[in-house]
Amino acid sequence: MSSDLSVATAQRRRSRGRRLGELGFSGVIALAGGFVLLDARRIVVPGSANTLGPRAFPFLVGALMLVAGAVVAAQALRGRLGEEEGGEDVDMAVRTDWRTVVILVGVFVAHILVINVAGWPVAGSLLFAGAAVTLGARPWWKAVLIAVALALAIQLVFGGMLGLSLPPGPLLRGVGLFHG
């Protein structure tokens, strides 16, 4: 009988801990959403911006984060908690591949250094292709082609259509379609 009581007590404590965890998570998400909304107000909108200016996407993301935080908090307060996972799909016997970690950090640092010199399309292509090849994408040339296409699409949408100031770089300097 006493073992049943201790099991029930342990389950209540675990449930209370999960509820507090989910409430904490919802609070962090809502605070981040509020910060995004407040910070998005500081974005300078050029006079030539059409209806979808550079503030649209941050406002949308901030509002969705606030709503998501509120929904998770409401569900946690009602006792409808997320399902626990049975366990991680991690093999603890496998050691960290530090070579891959160092290469990925190097690719990210290279992206930061290259973006202002060569522009977003080149830096984005370097980031996407470098990460994909480092993580095992084969053949490498397909990863590079996809990375270039993805970087150009991002430049077109965010720089050309939404008017955000992604640096097009010297290769696209004269192409008005890619400028914000």
C-alpha atoms as a PDB file:
ATOM      1  CA  MET A   1       0.000   0.000   0.000  1.00  0.00           C
ATOM      2  CA  SER A   2       2.760   2.435   0.910  1.00  0.00           C
ATOM      3  CA  SER A   3       4.505   1.753  -2.411  1.00  0.00           C
ATOM      4  CA  ASP A   4       1.312   2.723  -4.276  1.00  0.00           C
ATOM      5  CA  LEU A   5       1.192   5.955  -2.292  1.00  0.00           C
ATOM      6  CA  SER A   6       4.829   6.780  -3.042  1.00  0.00           C
ATOM      7  CA  VAL A   7       4.313   6.051  -6.746  1.00  0.00           C
ATOM      8  CA  ALA A   8       1.281   8.363  -6.828  1.00  0.00           C
ATOM      9  CA  THR A   9       3.225  11.100  -5.008  1.00  0.00           C
ATOM     10  CA  ALA A  10       6.129  10.763  -7.436  1.00  0.00           C
ATOM     11  CA  GLN A  11       3.742  11.004 -10.403  1.00  0.00           C
ATOM     12  CA  ARG A  12       2.134  14.179  -9.008  1.00  0.00           C
ATOM     13  CA  ARG A  13       5.554  15.776  -8.481  1.00  0.00           C
ATOM     14  CA  ARG A  14       6.635  14.817 -11.984  1.00  0.00           C
ATOM     15  CA  SER A  15       3.384  16.232 -13.420  1.00  0.00           C
ATOM     16  CA  ARG A  16       3.813  19.476 -11.440  1.00  0.00           C
ATOM     17  CA  GLY A  17       7.395  19.755 -12.696  1.00  0.00           C
ATOM     18  CA  ARG A  18       6.289  19.197 -16.289  1.00  0.00           C
ATOM     19  CA  ARG A  19       3.545  21.804 -15.887  1.00  0.00           C
ATOM     20  CA  LEU A  20       6.035  24.345 -14.528  1.00  0.00           C
ATOM     21  CA  GLY A  21       8.404  23.490 -17.372  1.00  0.00           C
ATOM     22  CA  GLU A  22       5.710  24.064 -19.977  1.00  0.00           C
ATOM     23  CA  LEU A  23       4.635  27.304 -18.319  1.00  0.00           C
ATOM     24  CA  GLY A  24       8.248  28.449 -18.292  1.00  0.00           C
ATOM     25  CA  PHE A  25       8.611  27.524 -21.957  1.00  0.00           C
ATOM     26  CA  SER A  26       5.423  29.384 -22.864  1.00  0.00           C
ATOM     27  CA  GLY A  27       6.647  32.432 -20.944  1.00  0.00           C
ATOM     28  CA  VAL A  28       9.981  32.461 -22.773  1.00  0.00           C
ATOM     29  CA  ILE A  29       8.233  32.134 -26.149  1.00  0.00           C
ATOM     30  CA  ALA A  30       5.757  34.928 -25.312  1.00  0.00           C
ATOM     31  CA  LEU A  31       8.557  37.212 -24.042  1.00  0.00           C
ATOM     32  CA  ALA A  32      10.589  36.569 -27.183  1.00  0.00           C
ATOM     33  CA  GLY A  33       7.510  37.337 -29.304  1.00  0.00           C
ATOM     34  CA  GLY A  34       6.936  40.586 -27.418  1.00  0.00           C
ATOM     35  CA  PHE A  35      10.579  41.540 -27.919  1.00  0.00           C
ATOM     36  CA  VAL A  36      10.330  40.808 -31.652  1.00  0.00           C
ATOM     37  CA  LEU A  37       7.212  42.994 -31.910  1.00  0.00           C
ATOM     38  CA  LEU A  38       8.818  45.870 -29.994  1.00  0.00           C
ATOM     39  CA  ASP A  39      12.067  45.631 -31.893  1.00  0.00           C
ATOM     40  CA  ALA A  40      10.298  45.407 -35.271  1.00  0.00           C
ATOM     41  CA  ARG A  41       8.881  48.874 -34.674  1.00  0.00           C
ATOM     42  CA  ARG A  42      12.428  50.232 -34.954  1.00  0.00           C
ATOM     43  CA  ILE A  43      12.871  48.947 -38.519  1.00  0.00           C
ATOM     44  CA  VAL A  44      13.117  51.889 -40.881  1.00  0.00           C
ATOM     45  CA  VAL A  45      10.597  51.644 -43.695  1.00  0.00           C
ATOM     46  CA  PRO A  46      11.741  53.334 -46.899  1.00  0.00           C
ATOM     47  CA  GLY A  47       9.262  55.717 -48.507  1.00  0.00           C
ATOM     48  CA  SER A  48       9.176  53.532 -51.605  1.00  0.00           C
ATOM     49  CA  ALA A  49       8.028  50.438 -49.677  1.00  0.00           C
ATOM     50  CA  ASN A  50       4.829  48.877 -50.894  1.00  0.00           C
ATOM     51  CA  THR A  51       2.212  47.286 -48.641  1.00  0.00           C
ATOM     52  CA  LEU A  52       4.542  44.469 -47.570  1.00  0.00           C
ATOM     53  CA  GLY A  53       7.503  46.316 -46.177  1.00  0.00           C
ATOM     54  CA  PRO A  54      10.413  45.107 -44.080  1.00  0.00           C
ATOM     55  CA  ARG A  55       8.304  45.123 -40.881  1.00  0.00           C
ATOM     56  CA  ALA A  56       5.711  42.612 -42.116  1.00  0.00           C
ATOM     57  CA  PHE A  57       7.624  39.407 -41.462  1.00  0.00           C
ATOM     58  CA  PRO A  58       8.919  40.351 -37.981  1.00  0.00           C
ATOM     59  CA  PHE A  59       5.426  41.489 -36.951  1.00  0.00           C
ATOM     60  CA  LEU A  60       3.952  38.200 -38.174  1.00  0.00           C
ATOM     61  CA  VAL A  61       6.590  36.102 -36.387  1.00  0.00           C
ATOM     62  CA  GLY A  62       6.262  38.115 -33.154  1.00  0.00           C
ATOM     63  CA  ALA A  63       2.478  37.825 -33.156  1.00  0.00           C
ATOM     64  CA  LEU A  64       2.620  34.079 -33.835  1.00  0.00           C
ATOM     65  CA  MET A  65       5.113  33.640 -30.983  1.00  0.00           C
ATOM     66  CA  LEU A  66       2.802  35.513 -28.600  1.00  0.00           C
ATOM     67  CA  VAL A  67      -0.171  33.394 -29.658  1.00  0.00           C
ATOM     68  CA  ALA A  68       1.832  30.161 -29.370  1.00  0.00           C
ATOM     69  CA  GLY A  69       3.047  31.098 -25.897  1.00  0.00           C
ATOM     70  CA  ALA A  70      -0.497  31.899 -24.776  1.00  0.00           C
ATOM     71  CA  VAL A  71      -1.893  28.644 -26.192  1.00  0.00           C
ATOM     72  CA  VAL A  72       0.804  26.515 -24.542  1.00  0.00           C
ATOM     73  CA  ALA A  73       0.238  28.309 -21.207  1.00  0.00           C
ATOM     74  CA  ALA A  74      -3.537  27.826 -21.427  1.00  0.00           C
ATOM     75  CA  GLN A  75      -3.132  24.135 -22.228  1.00  0.00           C
ATOM     76  CA  ALA A  76      -0.653  23.642 -19.371  1.00  0.00           C
ATOM     77  CA  LEU A  77      -2.970  25.375 -16.907  1.00  0.00           C
ATOM     78  CA  ARG A  78      -5.815  23.083 -18.016  1.00  0.00           C
ATOM     79  CA  GLY A  79      -3.599  20.070 -17.353  1.00  0.00           C
ATOM     80  CA  ARG A  80      -3.187  19.162 -21.019  1.00  0.00           C
ATOM     81  CA  LEU A  81       0.549  18.668 -21.093  1.00  0.00           C
ATOM     82  CA  GLY A  82       2.634  17.554 -24.036  1.00  0.00           C
ATOM     83  CA  GLU A  83       3.440  13.875 -24.295  1.00  0.00           C
ATOM     84  CA  GLU A  84       6.688  12.744 -22.782  1.00  0.00           C
ATOM     85  CA  GLU A  85       9.096  11.160 -25.159  1.00  0.00           C
ATOM     86  CA  GLY A  86      10.236   7.673 -24.335  1.00  0.00           C
ATOM     87  CA  GLY A  87      13.828   8.760 -24.657  1.00  0.00           C
ATOM     88  CA  GLU A  88      16.259  10.411 -26.940  1.00  0.00           C
ATOM     89  CA  ASP A  89      17.482   8.696 -30.038  1.00  0.00           C
ATOM     90  CA  VAL A  90      21.080   9.222 -28.990  1.00  0.00           C
ATOM     91  CA  ASP A  91      23.737   6.580 -28.760  1.00  0.00           C
ATOM     92  CA  MET A  92      25.746   7.585 -25.693  1.00  0.00           C
ATOM     93  CA  ALA A  93      28.577   5.283 -26.749  1.00  0.00           C
ATOM     94  CA  VAL A  94      29.318   7.391 -29.854  1.00  0.00           C
ATOM     95  CA  ARG A  95      31.807  10.173 -29.270  1.00  0.00           C
ATOM     96  CA  THR A  96      31.332  13.732 -30.526  1.00  0.00           C
ATOM     97  CA  ASP A  97      32.786  14.298 -33.981  1.00  0.00           C
ATOM     98  CA  TRP A  98      34.780  17.417 -33.128  1.00  0.00           C
ATOM     99  CA  ARG A  99      36.166  17.678 -36.656  1.00  0.00           C
ATOM    100  CA  THR A 100      32.638  18.205 -38.006  1.00  0.00           C
ATOM    101  CA  VAL A 101      31.838  20.700 -35.243  1.00  0.00           C
ATOM    102  CA  VAL A 102      35.004  22.718 -35.990  1.00  0.00           C
ATOM    103  CA  ILE A 103      34.303  22.722 -39.742  1.00  0.00           C
ATOM    104  CA  LEU A 104      30.706  23.897 -39.175  1.00  0.00           C
ATOM    105  CA  VAL A 105      31.897  26.693 -36.891  1.00  0.00           C
ATOM    106  CA  GLY A 106      34.472  27.633 -39.544  1.00  0.00           C
ATOM    107  CA  VAL A 107      31.785  27.720 -42.242  1.00  0.00           C
ATOM    108  CA  PHE A 108      29.621  29.949 -40.052  1.00  0.00           C
ATOM    109  CA  VAL A 109      32.525  32.317 -39.287  1.00  0.00           C
ATOM    110  CA  ALA A 110      33.404  32.435 -42.996  1.00  0.00           C
ATOM    111  CA  HIS A 111      29.777  33.353 -43.735  1.00  0.00           C
ATOM    112  CA  ILE A 112      29.971  36.245 -41.269  1.00  0.00           C
ATOM    113  CA  LEU A 113      33.253  37.493 -42.750  1.00  0.00           C
ATOM    114  CA  VAL A 114      32.158  37.163 -46.387  1.00  0.00           C
ATOM    115  CA  ILE A 115      28.638  38.645 -46.229  1.00  0.00           C
ATOM    116  CA  ASN A 116      29.654  42.326 -46.265  1.00  0.00           C
ATOM    117  CA  VAL A 117      32.420  41.815 -48.822  1.00  0.00           C
ATOM    118  CA  ALA A 118      30.800  39.469 -51.348  1.00  0.00           C
ATOM    119  CA  GLY A 119      27.106  39.913 -50.493  1.00  0.00           C
ATOM    120  CA  TRP A 120      24.359  37.628 -49.233  1.00  0.00           C
ATOM    121  CA  PRO A 121      24.096  35.304 -52.258  1.00  0.00           C
ATOM    122  CA  VAL A 122      27.765  34.326 -52.091  1.00  0.00           C
ATOM    123  CA  ALA A 123      27.864  34.153 -48.290  1.00  0.00           C
ATOM    124  CA  GLY A 124      24.571  32.267 -48.122  1.00  0.00           C
ATOM    125  CA  SER A 125      25.741  29.802 -50.758  1.00  0.00           C
ATOM    126  CA  LEU A 126      28.929  29.251 -48.769  1.00  0.00           C
ATOM    127  CA  LEU A 127      26.951  28.691 -45.569  1.00  0.00           C
ATOM    128  CA  PHE A 128      24.368  26.328 -47.069  1.00  0.00           C
ATOM    129  CA  ALA A 129      26.789  24.325 -49.222  1.00  0.00           C
ATOM    130  CA  GLY A 130      29.470  24.170 -46.539  1.00  0.00           C
ATOM    131  CA  ALA A 131      27.041  22.903 -43.916  1.00  0.00           C
ATOM    132  CA  ALA A 132      25.425  20.394 -46.284  1.00  0.00           C
ATOM    133  CA  VAL A 133      28.719  18.926 -47.518  1.00  0.00           C
ATOM    134  CA  THR A 134      30.169  18.835 -43.998  1.00  0.00           C
ATOM    135  CA  LEU A 135      27.105  16.946 -42.786  1.00  0.00           C
ATOM    136  CA  GLY A 136      27.400  14.395 -45.578  1.00  0.00           C
ATOM    137  CA  ALA A 137      25.517  15.666 -48.646  1.00  0.00           C
ATOM    138  CA  ARG A 138      26.683  13.747 -51.695  1.00  0.00           C
ATOM    139  CA  PRO A 139      27.441  14.488 -54.478  1.00  0.00           C
ATOM    140  CA  TRP A 140      28.952  17.782 -53.353  1.00  0.00           C
ATOM    141  CA  TRP A 141      28.159  19.620 -56.578  1.00  0.00           C
ATOM    142  CA  LYS A 142      24.407  19.077 -56.111  1.00  0.00           C
ATOM    143  CA  ALA A 143      24.653  20.613 -52.648  1.00  0.00           C
ATOM    144  CA  VAL A 144      26.468  23.606 -54.144  1.00  0.00           C
ATOM    145  CA  LEU A 145      23.844  24.066 -56.890  1.00  0.00           C
ATOM    146  CA  ILE A 146      20.988  23.838 -54.399  1.00  0.00           C
ATOM    147  CA  ALA A 147      22.792  26.255 -52.058  1.00  0.00           C
ATOM    148  CA  VAL A 148      23.241  28.830 -54.839  1.00  0.00           C
ATOM    149  CA  ALA A 149      19.591  28.514 -55.883  1.00  0.00           C
ATOM    150  CA  LEU A 150      18.415  28.848 -52.266  1.00  0.00           C
ATOM    151  CA  ALA A 151      20.628  31.882 -51.577  1.00  0.00           C
ATOM    152  CA  LEU A 152      19.439  33.603 -54.776  1.00  0.00           C
ATOM    153  CA  ALA A 153      15.796  32.848 -53.924  1.00  0.00           C
ATOM    154  CA  ILE A 154      16.241  34.331 -50.438  1.00  0.00           C
ATOM    155  CA  GLN A 155      17.933  37.414 -51.943  1.00  0.00           C
ATOM    156  CA  LEU A 156      15.087  37.794 -54.451  1.00  0.00           C
ATOM    157  CA  VAL A 157      12.296  37.438 -51.879  1.00  0.00           C
ATOM    158  CA  PHE A 158      13.770  39.397 -48.991  1.00  0.00           C
ATOM    159  CA  GLY A 159      15.990  41.866 -50.877  1.00  0.00           C
ATOM    160  CA  GLY A 160      14.007  42.368 -54.059  1.00  0.00           C
ATOM    161  CA  MET A 161      10.366  41.831 -53.079  1.00  0.00           C
ATOM    162  CA  LEU A 162      10.218  42.769 -49.379  1.00  0.00           C
ATOM    163  CA  GLY A 163      12.788  45.541 -49.635  1.00  0.00           C
ATOM    164  CA  LEU A 164      15.040  44.309 -46.840  1.00  0.00           C
ATOM    165  CA  SER A 165      18.652  45.343 -46.987  1.00  0.00           C
ATOM    166  CA  LEU A 166      20.412  42.095 -47.774  1.00  0.00           C
ATOM    167  CA  PRO A 167      23.673  43.098 -49.416  1.00  0.00           C
ATOM    168  CA  PRO A 168      23.563  41.834 -53.018  1.00  0.00           C
ATOM    169  CA  GLY A 169      27.327  42.044 -53.403  1.00  0.00           C
ATOM    170  CA  PRO A 170      29.401  42.960 -56.448  1.00  0.00           C
ATOM    171  CA  LEU A 171      28.060  40.105 -58.604  1.00  0.00           C
ATOM    172  CA  LEU A 172      24.454  41.380 -58.422  1.00  0.00           C
ATOM    173  CA  ARG A 173      25.154  45.107 -58.004  1.00  0.00           C
ATOM    174  CA  GLY A 174      23.608  46.083 -61.344  1.00  0.00           C
ATOM    175  CA  VAL A 175      20.632  43.699 -61.186  1.00  0.00           C
ATOM    176  CA  GLY A 176      17.712  45.721 -59.798  1.00  0.00           C
ATOM    177  CA  LEU A 177      15.587  42.640 -59.225  1.00  0.00           C
ATOM    178  CA  PHE A 178      17.782  41.611 -56.263  1.00  0.00           C
ATOM    179  CA  HIS A 179      18.026  44.995 -54.512  1.00  0.00           C
ATOM    180  CA  GLY A 180      15.993  46.225 -51.559  1.00  0.00           C
END
